[in-house]
Amino acid sequence: MKPLYNHLEKSMAANITVKNIPQDLYEKIKRRADLNHRSINREIIAIFEEVLTVRRINPGDILISVRELRERTRGFVLTQEFIDRAKREGRP
């Protein structure tokens, strides 16, 4: 009879080999790993988890943010002149 729960099944991990990582990308991962006090492997796992985990968005929170943004930008009129000047001056 098979047990209902086997703690070893949860701990079985897959191995992945990633080849031809551009040097600049590797350096970014390495820096991020150092900042987070993790190994490069653990950092890559954390990045995967961050990107692939579905986050529930509360519509109420979005509405609050929209209302705050509207309040901060009240009275601001976006004109073609403003857009042209911003293009000429460049963006940060």
N, C-alpha and C. Protein backbone atom coordinates (compact mmCIF):
# COMPACT_ATOMS: atom_id res chain seq x y z
N MET A 1 0.85 -1.18 0.00
CA MET A 1 0.00 0.00 0.00
C MET A 1 0.89 1.25 0.00
N LYS A 2 0.64 2.16 -0.91
CA LYS A 2 1.43 3.38 -1.03
C LYS A 2 0.93 4.40 -0.01
N PRO A 3 1.87 5.09 0.69
CA PRO A 3 1.43 6.11 1.65
C PRO A 3 0.74 7.26 0.92
N LEU A 4 -0.17 7.94 1.63
CA LEU A 4 -0.89 9.06 1.03
C LEU A 4 0.04 10.22 0.70
N TYR A 5 1.10 10.39 1.50
CA TYR A 5 2.01 11.51 1.27
C TYR A 5 3.43 11.01 1.43
N ASN A 6 4.24 11.30 0.46
CA ASN A 6 5.65 10.90 0.52
C ASN A 6 6.48 12.17 0.49
N HIS A 7 7.14 12.48 1.60
CA HIS A 7 7.91 13.72 1.68
C HIS A 7 9.06 13.76 0.67
N LEU A 8 9.50 12.62 0.19
CA LEU A 8 10.59 12.61 -0.78
C LEU A 8 10.14 13.07 -2.16
N GLU A 9 8.88 12.87 -2.49
CA GLU A 9 8.37 13.31 -3.79
C GLU A 9 8.48 14.82 -3.94
N LYS A 10 8.25 15.55 -2.87
CA LYS A 10 8.33 17.00 -2.91
C LYS A 10 9.77 17.48 -3.08
N SER A 11 10.73 16.72 -2.60
CA SER A 11 12.10 17.20 -2.63
C SER A 11 12.87 16.78 -3.89
N MET A 12 12.23 16.01 -4.74
CA MET A 12 12.90 15.61 -5.97
C MET A 12 13.02 16.82 -6.88
N ALA A 13 14.23 17.19 -7.22
CA ALA A 13 14.45 18.38 -8.04
C ALA A 13 14.99 17.98 -9.40
N ALA A 14 14.66 18.79 -10.37
CA ALA A 14 15.18 18.57 -11.71
C ALA A 14 16.48 19.35 -11.87
N ASN A 15 17.33 18.87 -12.73
CA ASN A 15 18.58 19.55 -13.04
C ASN A 15 18.47 20.14 -14.44
N ILE A 16 18.91 21.38 -14.57
CA ILE A 16 18.89 22.07 -15.85
C ILE A 16 20.28 22.63 -16.10
N THR A 17 20.76 22.49 -17.32
CA THR A 17 22.02 23.10 -17.71
C THR A 17 21.71 24.21 -18.70
N VAL A 18 22.22 25.39 -18.41
CA VAL A 18 22.01 26.52 -19.30
C VAL A 18 23.36 26.83 -19.95
N LYS A 19 23.36 26.83 -21.26
CA LYS A 19 24.61 27.05 -22.00
C LYS A 19 24.60 28.40 -22.69
N ASN A 20 25.78 28.89 -22.97
CA ASN A 20 25.98 30.11 -23.76
C ASN A 20 25.32 31.34 -23.15
N ILE A 21 25.44 31.50 -21.84
CA ILE A 21 24.92 32.69 -21.17
C ILE A 21 25.84 33.85 -21.52
N PRO A 22 25.30 34.94 -22.06
CA PRO A 22 26.14 36.09 -22.35
C PRO A 22 26.84 36.58 -21.08
N GLN A 23 28.06 37.00 -21.22
CA GLN A 23 28.87 37.41 -20.06
C GLN A 23 28.20 38.52 -19.26
N ASP A 24 27.62 39.51 -19.94
CA ASP A 24 26.99 40.62 -19.21
C ASP A 24 25.79 40.14 -18.39
N LEU A 25 25.03 39.18 -18.93
CA LEU A 25 23.90 38.63 -18.19
C LEU A 25 24.39 37.83 -16.97
N TYR A 26 25.45 37.06 -17.18
CA TYR A 26 26.03 36.29 -16.07
C TYR A 26 26.49 37.24 -14.95
N GLU A 27 27.12 38.35 -15.32
CA GLU A 27 27.59 39.31 -14.32
C GLU A 27 26.42 39.92 -13.55
N LYS A 28 25.31 40.20 -14.24
CA LYS A 28 24.13 40.73 -13.56
C LYS A 28 23.56 39.73 -12.56
N ILE A 29 23.51 38.46 -12.96
CA ILE A 29 23.02 37.41 -12.05
C ILE A 29 23.95 37.28 -10.87
N LYS A 30 25.24 37.30 -11.13
CA LYS A 30 26.24 37.18 -10.06
C LYS A 30 26.12 38.34 -9.08
N ARG A 31 25.97 39.58 -9.60
CA ARG A 31 25.81 40.75 -8.72
C ARG A 31 24.54 40.62 -7.87
N ARG A 32 23.47 40.21 -8.52
CA ARG A 32 22.20 40.06 -7.79
C ARG A 32 22.32 38.98 -6.71
N ALA A 33 22.99 37.89 -7.05
CA ALA A 33 23.21 36.81 -6.07
C ALA A 33 24.02 37.32 -4.88
N ASP A 34 25.06 38.09 -5.15
CA ASP A 34 25.87 38.66 -4.07
C ASP A 34 25.04 39.57 -3.18
N LEU A 35 24.23 40.42 -3.80
CA LEU A 35 23.39 41.34 -3.03
C LEU A 35 22.39 40.60 -2.14
N ASN A 36 21.92 39.46 -2.62
CA ASN A 36 20.92 38.69 -1.88
C ASN A 36 21.54 37.57 -1.04
N HIS A 37 22.88 37.53 -1.00
CA HIS A 37 23.61 36.52 -0.21
C HIS A 37 23.18 35.11 -0.60
N ARG A 38 23.14 34.87 -1.91
CA ARG A 38 22.77 33.55 -2.42
C ARG A 38 23.83 33.09 -3.41
N SER A 39 23.82 31.79 -3.65
CA SER A 39 24.66 31.25 -4.72
C SER A 39 24.02 31.64 -6.05
N ILE A 40 24.79 31.52 -7.11
CA ILE A 40 24.25 31.83 -8.43
C ILE A 40 23.10 30.89 -8.76
N ASN A 41 23.26 29.62 -8.44
CA ASN A 41 22.20 28.65 -8.69
C ASN A 41 20.92 29.03 -7.95
N ARG A 42 21.05 29.36 -6.66
CA ARG A 42 19.87 29.72 -5.87
C ARG A 42 19.24 31.01 -6.38
N GLU A 43 20.08 31.92 -6.87
CA GLU A 43 19.56 33.18 -7.41
C GLU A 43 18.74 32.92 -8.67
N ILE A 44 19.23 32.04 -9.53
CA ILE A 44 18.49 31.71 -10.75
C ILE A 44 17.15 31.07 -10.40
N ILE A 45 17.13 30.21 -9.40
CA ILE A 45 15.87 29.61 -8.95
C ILE A 45 14.93 30.70 -8.43
N ALA A 46 15.47 31.65 -7.66
CA ALA A 46 14.65 32.75 -7.14
C ALA A 46 14.08 33.60 -8.28
N ILE A 47 14.88 33.83 -9.32
CA ILE A 47 14.40 34.59 -10.47
C ILE A 47 13.28 33.84 -11.17
N PHE A 48 13.46 32.53 -11.37
CA PHE A 48 12.40 31.71 -11.97
C PHE A 48 11.11 31.79 -11.15
N GLU A 49 11.24 31.64 -9.83
CA GLU A 49 10.07 31.69 -8.96
C GLU A 49 9.38 33.05 -9.05
N GLU A 50 10.17 34.12 -9.07
CA GLU A 50 9.61 35.47 -9.14
C GLU A 50 8.85 35.69 -10.44
N VAL A 51 9.41 35.22 -11.53
CA VAL A 51 8.82 35.46 -12.84
C VAL A 51 7.63 34.53 -13.10
N LEU A 52 7.71 33.31 -12.63
CA LEU A 52 6.71 32.31 -12.99
C LEU A 52 5.57 32.16 -11.98
N THR A 53 5.69 32.81 -10.83
CA THR A 53 4.64 32.70 -9.82
C THR A 53 3.50 33.64 -10.16
N VAL A 54 2.30 33.11 -10.18
CA VAL A 54 1.12 33.91 -10.47
C VAL A 54 0.80 34.75 -9.24
N ARG A 55 0.65 36.05 -9.47
CA ARG A 55 0.31 36.94 -8.37
C ARG A 55 -1.13 37.40 -8.53
N ARG A 56 -1.89 37.29 -7.48
CA ARG A 56 -3.26 37.77 -7.50
C ARG A 56 -3.24 39.28 -7.32
N ILE A 57 -3.91 39.98 -8.19
CA ILE A 57 -3.97 41.44 -8.11
C ILE A 57 -5.34 41.82 -7.58
N ASN A 58 -5.32 42.64 -6.55
CA ASN A 58 -6.56 43.11 -5.96
C ASN A 58 -7.04 44.32 -6.76
N PRO A 59 -8.20 44.22 -7.42
CA PRO A 59 -8.70 45.35 -8.21
C PRO A 59 -8.87 46.62 -7.39
N GLY A 60 -9.21 46.47 -6.13
CA GLY A 60 -9.36 47.64 -5.26
C GLY A 60 -8.05 48.40 -5.11
N ASP A 61 -6.92 47.67 -5.01
CA ASP A 61 -5.61 48.32 -4.91
C ASP A 61 -5.27 49.09 -6.18
N ILE A 62 -5.63 48.52 -7.33
CA ILE A 62 -5.38 49.20 -8.60
C ILE A 62 -6.20 50.49 -8.67
N LEU A 63 -7.46 50.42 -8.27
CA LEU A 63 -8.31 51.61 -8.29
C LEU A 63 -7.77 52.70 -7.38
N ILE A 64 -7.26 52.32 -6.22
CA ILE A 64 -6.67 53.30 -5.30
C ILE A 64 -5.47 53.97 -5.96
N SER A 65 -4.62 53.18 -6.61
CA SER A 65 -3.44 53.73 -7.29
C SER A 65 -3.84 54.68 -8.41
N VAL A 66 -4.86 54.30 -9.17
CA VAL A 66 -5.32 55.14 -10.27
C VAL A 66 -5.86 56.46 -9.73
N ARG A 67 -6.64 56.38 -8.68
CA ARG A 67 -7.19 57.62 -8.09
C ARG A 67 -6.10 58.53 -7.57
N GLU A 68 -5.06 57.95 -6.93
CA GLU A 68 -3.94 58.74 -6.44
C GLU A 68 -3.19 59.40 -7.59
N LEU A 69 -2.99 58.66 -8.67
CA LEU A 69 -2.31 59.21 -9.84
C LEU A 69 -3.12 60.34 -10.46
N ARG A 70 -4.41 60.14 -10.57
CA ARG A 70 -5.28 61.21 -11.10
C ARG A 70 -5.19 62.47 -10.25
N GLU A 71 -5.16 62.29 -8.95
CA GLU A 71 -5.10 63.44 -8.04
C GLU A 71 -3.77 64.18 -8.20
N ARG A 72 -2.68 63.44 -8.33
CA ARG A 72 -1.36 64.07 -8.47
C ARG A 72 -1.21 64.79 -9.81
N THR A 73 -1.90 64.32 -10.84
CA THR A 73 -1.75 64.91 -12.17
C THR A 73 -2.92 65.82 -12.54
N ARG A 74 -3.78 66.10 -11.58
CA ARG A 74 -4.94 66.97 -11.85
C ARG A 74 -4.45 68.34 -12.32
N GLY A 75 -5.04 68.85 -13.36
CA GLY A 75 -4.68 70.16 -13.86
C GLY A 75 -3.55 70.15 -14.87
N PHE A 76 -2.88 69.03 -15.03
CA PHE A 76 -1.78 68.95 -16.00
C PHE A 76 -2.38 68.66 -17.37
N VAL A 77 -2.03 69.50 -18.33
CA VAL A 77 -2.53 69.32 -19.68
C VAL A 77 -1.36 68.91 -20.56
N LEU A 78 -1.47 67.77 -21.20
CA LEU A 78 -0.42 67.27 -22.09
C LEU A 78 -0.68 67.83 -23.48
N THR A 79 0.22 68.72 -23.89
CA THR A 79 0.05 69.36 -25.20
C THR A 79 1.09 68.83 -26.17
N GLN A 80 0.85 69.05 -27.43
CA GLN A 80 1.82 68.66 -28.45
C GLN A 80 3.13 69.42 -28.25
N GLU A 81 3.03 70.68 -27.84
CA GLU A 81 4.23 71.48 -27.58
C GLU A 81 5.09 70.84 -26.48
N PHE A 82 4.44 70.39 -25.42
CA PHE A 82 5.16 69.72 -24.32
C PHE A 82 5.85 68.45 -24.83
N ILE A 83 5.13 67.66 -25.62
CA ILE A 83 5.69 66.41 -26.16
C ILE A 83 6.89 66.71 -27.05
N ASP A 84 6.76 67.70 -27.94
CA ASP A 84 7.86 68.06 -28.84
C ASP A 84 9.08 68.55 -28.05
N ARG A 85 8.86 69.36 -27.03
CA ARG A 85 9.98 69.85 -26.21
C ARG A 85 10.67 68.69 -25.49
N ALA A 86 9.88 67.76 -24.96
CA ALA A 86 10.45 66.60 -24.28
C ALA A 86 11.30 65.76 -25.23
N LYS A 87 10.85 65.63 -26.45
CA LYS A 87 11.62 64.89 -27.46
C LYS A 87 12.94 65.58 -27.77
N ARG A 88 12.88 66.91 -27.90
CA ARG A 88 14.10 67.68 -28.22
C ARG A 88 15.10 67.60 -27.07
N GLU A 89 14.61 67.69 -25.84
CA GLU A 89 15.49 67.72 -24.67
C GLU A 89 15.98 66.33 -24.29
N GLY A 90 15.31 65.33 -24.75
CA GLY A 90 15.69 63.96 -24.39
C GLY A 90 15.03 63.54 -23.10
N ARG A 91 15.05 62.27 -22.87
CA ARG A 91 14.44 61.72 -21.66
C ARG A 91 15.55 61.19 -20.76
N PRO A 92 15.30 61.18 -19.44
CA PRO A 92 16.33 60.66 -18.52
C PRO A 92 16.53 59.18 -18.66
